[in-house]
Amino acid sequence: MVLTERYSDQFSEEDFAAVLPQETETVRKLYADGALRQIWLRDDTRGACFLLEAASLHEAEAAVAALPLAQREMSDFKIIPLRPYGGFGPR
């Protein structure tokens, strides 16, 4: 899972508007490739939360690094590794 938050105190809305079309296309490509499973916009701040399908933390970091907002250091990206919940399996 990846939580993002824009550096709105360092960049203007015009700065973000110039990059968001590229960001959207990169997210669409990650989704089409099966790496990005779901994405939501955050309601508590300017940013997003998305689920990545990755074989390793390194692979997840590489996917995040490909995002234009990450390349331009315009947002914070926090990668939170997840593992399956075992509570629904046999006892």
C-alpha atoms as a PDB file:
ATOM      1  CA  MET A   1       0.000   0.000   0.000  1.00  0.00           C
ATOM      2  CA  VAL A   2       1.265   3.457  -0.826  1.00  0.00           C
ATOM      3  CA  LEU A   3       0.142   6.664   0.853  1.00  0.00           C
ATOM      4  CA  THR A   4       0.992   9.908  -0.895  1.00  0.00           C
ATOM      5  CA  GLU A   5       0.764  13.511   0.167  1.00  0.00           C
ATOM      6  CA  ARG A   6       1.555  16.506  -1.995  1.00  0.00           C
ATOM      7  CA  TYR A   7       4.116  19.049  -0.897  1.00  0.00           C
ATOM      8  CA  SER A   8       1.543  21.818  -1.276  1.00  0.00           C
ATOM      9  CA  ASP A   9       3.624  24.149   0.876  1.00  0.00           C
ATOM     10  CA  GLN A  10       6.509  23.937  -1.617  1.00  0.00           C
ATOM     11  CA  PHE A  11       4.685  23.804  -4.973  1.00  0.00           C
ATOM     12  CA  SER A  12       1.775  25.760  -6.407  1.00  0.00           C
ATOM     13  CA  GLU A  13      -1.413  24.343  -7.888  1.00  0.00           C
ATOM     14  CA  GLU A  14      -0.047  25.403 -11.285  1.00  0.00           C
ATOM     15  CA  ASP A  15       3.082  23.305 -10.650  1.00  0.00           C
ATOM     16  CA  PHE A  16       0.932  20.261  -9.907  1.00  0.00           C
ATOM     17  CA  ALA A  17      -1.407  20.939 -12.845  1.00  0.00           C
ATOM     18  CA  ALA A  18       1.602  20.814 -15.195  1.00  0.00           C
ATOM     19  CA  VAL A  19       2.619  17.343 -13.962  1.00  0.00           C
ATOM     20  CA  LEU A  20      -0.730  15.646 -13.278  1.00  0.00           C
ATOM     21  CA  PRO A  21      -1.446  14.610 -16.902  1.00  0.00           C
ATOM     22  CA  GLN A  22       1.859  12.677 -16.956  1.00  0.00           C
ATOM     23  CA  GLU A  23       1.122  11.259 -13.494  1.00  0.00           C
ATOM     24  CA  THR A  24      -2.301  10.073 -14.657  1.00  0.00           C
ATOM     25  CA  GLU A  25      -0.839   8.356 -17.709  1.00  0.00           C
ATOM     26  CA  THR A  26       1.805   6.610 -15.615  1.00  0.00           C
ATOM     27  CA  VAL A  27      -0.853   5.419 -13.153  1.00  0.00           C
ATOM     28  CA  ARG A  28      -2.963   4.122 -16.060  1.00  0.00           C
ATOM     29  CA  LYS A  29       0.027   2.203 -17.406  1.00  0.00           C
ATOM     30  CA  LEU A  30       0.740   0.676 -13.992  1.00  0.00           C
ATOM     31  CA  TYR A  31      -2.930  -0.344 -13.795  1.00  0.00           C
ATOM     32  CA  ALA A  32      -2.937  -1.795 -17.326  1.00  0.00           C
ATOM     33  CA  ASP A  33       0.238  -3.754 -16.504  1.00  0.00           C
ATOM     34  CA  GLY A  34      -1.425  -5.215 -13.392  1.00  0.00           C
ATOM     35  CA  ALA A  35       0.961  -3.544 -10.939  1.00  0.00           C
ATOM     36  CA  LEU A  36      -1.512  -1.013  -9.563  1.00  0.00           C
ATOM     37  CA  ARG A  37      -4.658  -2.726  -8.291  1.00  0.00           C
ATOM     38  CA  GLN A  38      -6.751   0.080  -6.799  1.00  0.00           C
ATOM     39  CA  ILE A  39      -6.387   3.784  -6.128  1.00  0.00           C
ATOM     40  CA  TRP A  40      -8.265   6.326  -4.050  1.00  0.00           C
ATOM     41  CA  LEU A  41      -7.877  10.050  -3.572  1.00  0.00           C
ATOM     42  CA  ARG A  42      -7.392  10.990   0.049  1.00  0.00           C
ATOM     43  CA  ASP A  43     -10.098  13.114   1.657  1.00  0.00           C
ATOM     44  CA  ASP A  44      -7.916  14.251   4.577  1.00  0.00           C
ATOM     45  CA  THR A  45      -5.152  15.846   2.473  1.00  0.00           C
ATOM     46  CA  ARG A  46      -4.019  16.341  -1.121  1.00  0.00           C
ATOM     47  CA  GLY A  47      -2.766  12.922  -2.126  1.00  0.00           C
ATOM     48  CA  ALA A  48      -3.724   9.349  -2.866  1.00  0.00           C
ATOM     49  CA  CYS A  49      -3.701   5.833  -1.465  1.00  0.00           C
ATOM     50  CA  PHE A  50      -3.081   2.939  -3.819  1.00  0.00           C
ATOM     51  CA  LEU A  51      -2.425  -0.779  -3.752  1.00  0.00           C
ATOM     52  CA  LEU A  52       0.524  -2.133  -5.695  1.00  0.00           C
ATOM     53  CA  GLU A  53       1.062  -5.747  -6.624  1.00  0.00           C
ATOM     54  CA  ALA A  54       4.800  -6.308  -6.231  1.00  0.00           C
ATOM     55  CA  ALA A  55       6.999  -9.335  -5.642  1.00  0.00           C
ATOM     56  CA  SER A  56       9.300  -7.355  -3.369  1.00  0.00           C
ATOM     57  CA  LEU A  57       9.750  -4.033  -1.638  1.00  0.00           C
ATOM     58  CA  HIS A  58      12.387  -3.186  -4.253  1.00  0.00           C
ATOM     59  CA  GLU A  59       9.860  -3.755  -7.049  1.00  0.00           C
ATOM     60  CA  ALA A  60       7.311  -1.517  -5.281  1.00  0.00           C
ATOM     61  CA  GLU A  61       9.931   1.193  -4.818  1.00  0.00           C
ATOM     62  CA  ALA A  62      10.777   1.041  -8.532  1.00  0.00           C
ATOM     63  CA  ALA A  63       7.105   1.448  -9.485  1.00  0.00           C
ATOM     64  CA  VAL A  64       6.753   4.469  -7.200  1.00  0.00           C
ATOM     65  CA  ALA A  65      10.006   5.950  -8.500  1.00  0.00           C
ATOM     66  CA  ALA A  66       8.539   5.897 -12.033  1.00  0.00           C
ATOM     67  CA  LEU A  67       5.783   8.328 -11.031  1.00  0.00           C
ATOM     68  CA  PRO A  68       6.383  11.902 -12.240  1.00  0.00           C
ATOM     69  CA  LEU A  69       5.448  13.408  -8.844  1.00  0.00           C
ATOM     70  CA  ALA A  70       8.094  11.182  -7.243  1.00  0.00           C
ATOM     71  CA  GLN A  71      10.707  12.014  -9.882  1.00  0.00           C
ATOM     72  CA  ARG A  72      10.154  15.735  -9.309  1.00  0.00           C
ATOM     73  CA  GLU A  73      10.019  15.286  -5.509  1.00  0.00           C
ATOM     74  CA  MET A  74       6.627  17.021  -5.402  1.00  0.00           C
ATOM     75  CA  SER A  75       4.954  14.482  -3.104  1.00  0.00           C
ATOM     76  CA  ASP A  76       5.784  12.241  -0.185  1.00  0.00           C
ATOM     77  CA  PHE A  77       5.371   8.524  -0.920  1.00  0.00           C
ATOM     78  CA  LYS A  78       5.119   6.146   2.009  1.00  0.00           C
ATOM     79  CA  ILE A  79       5.263   2.466   1.039  1.00  0.00           C
ATOM     80  CA  ILE A  80       3.635   0.196   3.615  1.00  0.00           C
ATOM     81  CA  PRO A  81       4.309  -3.522   2.985  1.00  0.00           C
ATOM     82  CA  LEU A  82       1.266  -5.740   3.579  1.00  0.00           C
ATOM     83  CA  ARG A  83       0.854  -9.476   4.051  1.00  0.00           C
ATOM     84  CA  PRO A  84      -2.221 -11.690   3.865  1.00  0.00           C
ATOM     85  CA  TYR A  85      -4.597 -11.775   6.813  1.00  0.00           C
ATOM     86  CA  GLY A  86      -4.766 -15.320   8.142  1.00  0.00           C
ATOM     87  CA  GLY A  87      -7.936 -14.989  10.208  1.00  0.00           C
ATOM     88  CA  PHE A  88     -10.207 -16.373   7.508  1.00  0.00           C
ATOM     89  CA  GLY A  89      -8.233 -19.555   6.881  1.00  0.00           C
ATOM     90  CA  PRO A  90      -8.733 -22.962   8.503  1.00  0.00           C
ATOM     91  CA  ARG A  91      -8.053 -23.286  12.209  1.00  0.00           C
END
